[in-house]
Amino acid sequence: MKSISELNQYITQHIQGVFSESDMAVLKEEIEKLKPGDVYVEIGVDEGRSARVAHEYAHPDVYKLYIDIHDVDSHQVSLGRGPWMEQEGMVGIGKKGFFVHGDADEFGRFIADNFGVEAGLLSTDPPELVDLIFLDPHHDYESIKSATLAWEQFMKIGSTMLFHDTDHPETFKWLNDHFGEGKWEALHGKIGIVRL
């Protein structure tokens, strides 16, 4: 297993993206808490820096669902997200990682509408599905709101929600409006954490 610094250097040689070593440390700490069979969901994968961190530090039997609309083709720094994920063993036959190429907001609504409490498939008790979610959708208020509301109902009691880019005014405002000022923790000015 690579150190955060080693992993950051390795990732930087293969793909681009914005996910600092401080961000990596937060995700590492949270994902290492997951046990075999637990579920990690990532909204907003971009080229895959945070996803690669999740893959590195999660137990191999943790299910990992990565969702993003952005299609990363091969370029001078990256061989493309799909090939990168397969090369790294993050997704593929017999792997517990899955990538959904589509709008995470729409995918969240699809899951909520078809499998959520209001669809009648789940009781009003909190469903026991997702242990850790990393939300890095579009940074407008409605997008972060939509992603939160779609996935929040699937979070286990005692689970954790991580929000990237809390330095973005609309993300910050949504977290305060939804969870309340002082009810979520801001880590190094970039990641918000909510324990449910």
Protein backbone atom coordinates (compact mmCIF):
# COMPACT_ATOMS: atom_id res chain seq x y z
CA MET A 1 0.00 0.00 0.00
CA LYS A 2 1.33 3.41 -0.97
CA SER A 3 1.64 6.36 1.41
CA ILE A 4 -0.51 9.39 0.57
CA SER A 5 2.51 11.19 -0.84
CA GLU A 6 3.54 8.17 -2.94
CA LEU A 7 -0.01 7.69 -4.19
CA ASN A 8 -0.32 11.37 -5.08
CA GLN A 9 2.90 11.22 -7.10
CA TYR A 10 1.78 8.01 -8.80
CA ILE A 11 -1.67 9.39 -9.69
CA THR A 12 -0.18 12.65 -11.00
CA GLN A 13 1.92 10.66 -13.49
CA HIS A 14 -1.23 9.11 -14.96
CA ILE A 15 -4.18 11.51 -14.69
CA GLN A 16 -5.09 15.11 -13.91
CA GLY A 17 -7.62 16.45 -11.44
CA VAL A 18 -7.91 18.44 -8.25
CA PHE A 19 -7.70 16.34 -5.10
CA SER A 20 -4.98 17.42 -2.69
CA GLU A 21 -3.00 15.33 -0.25
CA SER A 22 -5.12 16.85 2.55
CA ASP A 23 -8.25 15.68 0.71
CA MET A 24 -6.65 12.27 0.23
CA ALA A 25 -5.92 11.98 3.96
CA VAL A 26 -9.57 12.65 4.85
CA LEU A 27 -10.88 10.08 2.38
CA LYS A 28 -8.24 7.54 3.44
CA GLU A 29 -9.23 7.88 7.11
CA GLU A 30 -12.92 7.40 6.34
CA ILE A 31 -12.67 4.62 3.76
CA GLU A 32 -10.33 2.54 5.92
CA LYS A 33 -13.19 2.28 8.45
CA LEU A 34 -15.31 0.32 5.98
CA LYS A 35 -15.59 -3.44 6.31
CA PRO A 36 -16.09 -6.16 3.68
CA GLY A 37 -19.56 -5.83 2.15
CA ASP A 38 -19.87 -2.13 3.01
CA VAL A 39 -20.76 0.32 0.24
CA TYR A 40 -18.93 3.46 -0.88
CA VAL A 41 -20.54 5.84 -3.40
CA GLU A 42 -18.71 8.65 -5.18
CA ILE A 43 -20.58 11.36 -7.05
CA GLY A 44 -18.38 13.39 -9.40
CA VAL A 45 -15.36 11.26 -10.29
CA ASP A 46 -13.85 13.50 -12.99
CA GLU A 47 -10.60 11.80 -14.07
CA GLY A 48 -10.55 9.54 -11.03
CA ARG A 49 -8.11 10.92 -8.43
CA SER A 50 -10.47 10.50 -5.47
CA ALA A 51 -11.73 7.19 -6.86
CA ARG A 52 -8.15 5.91 -7.06
CA VAL A 53 -7.62 6.94 -3.43
CA ALA A 54 -10.76 5.05 -2.43
CA HIS A 55 -9.53 2.00 -4.33
CA GLU A 56 -6.09 2.15 -2.70
CA TYR A 57 -7.27 2.31 0.90
CA ALA A 58 -10.61 0.46 0.94
CA HIS A 59 -10.74 -3.20 1.88
CA PRO A 60 -10.85 -5.19 -1.40
CA ASP A 61 -14.35 -6.47 -0.53
CA VAL A 62 -15.90 -3.01 -0.12
CA TYR A 63 -18.31 -2.25 -2.98
CA LYS A 64 -17.41 1.00 -4.74
CA LEU A 65 -19.81 2.86 -7.04
CA TYR A 66 -18.30 5.74 -9.03
CA ILE A 67 -20.64 8.09 -10.96
CA ASP A 68 -19.79 10.93 -13.36
CA ILE A 69 -21.09 12.51 -16.57
CA HIS A 70 -17.69 13.82 -17.64
CA ASP A 71 -16.14 11.54 -20.24
CA VAL A 72 -12.36 11.61 -20.01
CA ASP A 73 -10.77 10.61 -23.27
CA SER A 74 -7.11 9.83 -23.67
CA HIS A 75 -4.85 12.90 -23.64
CA GLN A 76 -1.19 13.70 -22.95
CA VAL A 77 -1.49 13.03 -19.21
CA SER A 78 -4.24 10.39 -19.14
CA LEU A 79 -5.09 7.26 -21.07
CA GLY A 80 -8.76 8.00 -20.28
CA ARG A 81 -10.87 7.27 -17.23
CA GLY A 82 -12.26 3.89 -18.33
CA PRO A 83 -8.92 2.41 -19.34
CA TRP A 84 -7.28 3.96 -16.23
CA MET A 85 -9.87 2.38 -13.92
CA GLU A 86 -9.45 -1.00 -15.58
CA GLN A 87 -5.65 -0.76 -15.57
CA GLU A 88 -5.71 0.02 -11.85
CA GLY A 89 -8.11 -2.85 -11.09
CA MET A 90 -10.77 -0.44 -9.86
CA VAL A 91 -13.46 -1.87 -12.17
CA GLY A 92 -13.65 -4.97 -14.32
CA ILE A 93 -14.70 -8.59 -14.29
CA GLY A 94 -14.74 -9.95 -10.77
CA LYS A 95 -14.13 -6.49 -9.26
CA LYS A 96 -16.28 -4.82 -6.62
CA GLY A 97 -15.97 -1.41 -8.28
CA PHE A 98 -18.54 -0.08 -10.73
CA PHE A 99 -18.51 3.04 -12.88
CA VAL A 100 -21.69 4.71 -14.08
CA HIS A 101 -21.12 7.14 -16.94
CA GLY A 102 -24.03 9.51 -16.67
CA ASP A 103 -25.43 12.53 -14.88
CA ALA A 104 -25.08 11.81 -11.15
CA ASP A 105 -28.06 14.05 -10.35
CA GLU A 106 -30.29 12.10 -12.74
CA PHE A 107 -28.89 8.75 -11.57
CA GLY A 108 -29.57 9.75 -7.96
CA ARG A 109 -33.14 10.73 -8.86
CA PHE A 110 -33.57 7.44 -10.74
CA ILE A 111 -32.41 5.45 -7.69
CA ALA A 112 -34.54 7.52 -5.31
CA ASP A 113 -37.66 7.41 -7.52
CA ASN A 114 -37.45 3.70 -8.28
CA PHE A 115 -35.93 2.23 -5.14
CA GLY A 116 -36.35 4.87 -2.42
CA VAL A 117 -38.84 5.34 0.36
CA GLU A 118 -41.36 7.16 -1.84
CA ALA A 119 -41.29 4.35 -4.42
CA GLY A 120 -42.68 2.09 -1.70
CA LEU A 121 -39.84 -0.41 -1.99
CA LEU A 122 -38.24 0.70 1.25
CA SER A 123 -39.96 1.30 4.54
CA THR A 124 -39.81 4.70 6.17
CA ASP A 125 -37.06 3.34 8.39
CA PRO A 126 -33.61 4.36 7.16
CA PRO A 127 -32.52 1.82 4.56
CA GLU A 128 -29.22 0.13 5.28
CA LEU A 129 -27.38 0.60 1.99
CA VAL A 130 -24.55 3.17 1.85
CA ASP A 131 -21.82 3.45 4.48
CA LEU A 132 -19.78 6.30 3.02
CA ILE A 133 -20.54 8.78 0.25
CA PHE A 134 -18.25 11.36 -1.31
CA LEU A 135 -20.23 14.13 -3.00
CA ASP A 136 -18.41 16.26 -5.56
CA PRO A 137 -21.17 17.08 -8.06
CA HIS A 138 -21.57 20.29 -10.03
CA HIS A 139 -20.97 23.13 -7.60
CA ASP A 140 -24.24 24.99 -8.00
CA TYR A 141 -26.72 24.99 -5.12
CA GLU A 142 -29.37 22.90 -6.88
CA SER A 143 -26.91 20.19 -7.91
CA ILE A 144 -25.44 19.68 -4.43
CA LYS A 145 -28.98 19.81 -3.01
CA SER A 146 -30.24 17.26 -5.53
CA ALA A 147 -27.34 14.87 -4.92
CA THR A 148 -27.69 15.15 -1.15
CA LEU A 149 -31.45 14.57 -1.10
CA ALA A 150 -31.30 11.71 -3.59
CA TRP A 151 -28.64 9.78 -1.68
CA GLU A 152 -29.25 10.79 1.94
CA GLN A 153 -32.18 8.40 2.25
CA PHE A 154 -29.89 5.46 1.40
CA MET A 155 -27.30 6.24 4.08
CA LYS A 156 -26.97 3.83 7.00
CA ILE A 157 -27.39 5.08 10.53
CA GLY A 158 -23.86 5.88 11.67
CA SER A 159 -22.67 6.47 8.10
CA THR A 160 -20.65 9.43 6.82
CA MET A 161 -21.24 11.96 4.07
CA LEU A 162 -18.22 13.82 2.69
CA PHE A 163 -18.73 16.98 0.61
CA HIS A 164 -15.90 18.23 -1.60
CA ASP A 165 -15.28 21.89 -2.39
CA THR A 166 -16.89 23.46 0.66
CA ASP A 167 -14.88 26.55 -0.27
CA HIS A 168 -17.40 26.95 -3.09
CA PRO A 169 -20.04 29.44 -1.81
CA GLU A 170 -23.06 27.46 -3.00
CA THR A 171 -21.83 24.18 -1.51
CA PHE A 172 -21.15 25.95 1.79
CA LYS A 173 -24.59 27.60 1.74
CA TRP A 174 -26.36 24.29 1.02
CA LEU A 175 -24.62 22.52 3.89
CA ASN A 176 -25.62 25.30 6.31
CA ASP A 177 -29.19 25.45 4.97
CA HIS A 178 -29.71 21.68 5.07
CA PHE A 179 -27.73 20.50 8.07
CA GLY A 180 -27.51 23.79 9.99
CA GLU A 181 -24.58 25.98 10.87
CA GLY A 182 -22.23 24.15 13.20
CA LYS A 183 -23.90 20.78 12.47
CA TRP A 184 -21.29 19.76 9.92
CA GLU A 185 -17.53 19.88 10.20
CA ALA A 186 -15.33 21.78 7.76
CA LEU A 187 -11.95 20.12 7.22
CA HIS A 188 -9.06 22.22 5.89
CA GLY A 189 -11.50 24.54 4.13
CA LYS A 190 -12.18 22.04 1.35
CA ILE A 191 -14.11 19.02 2.68
CA GLY A 192 -17.26 18.98 4.76
CA ILE A 193 -18.15 15.97 6.86
CA VAL A 194 -21.54 14.94 8.21
CA ARG A 195 -21.99 11.95 10.48
CA LEU A 196 -25.49 10.51 10.37
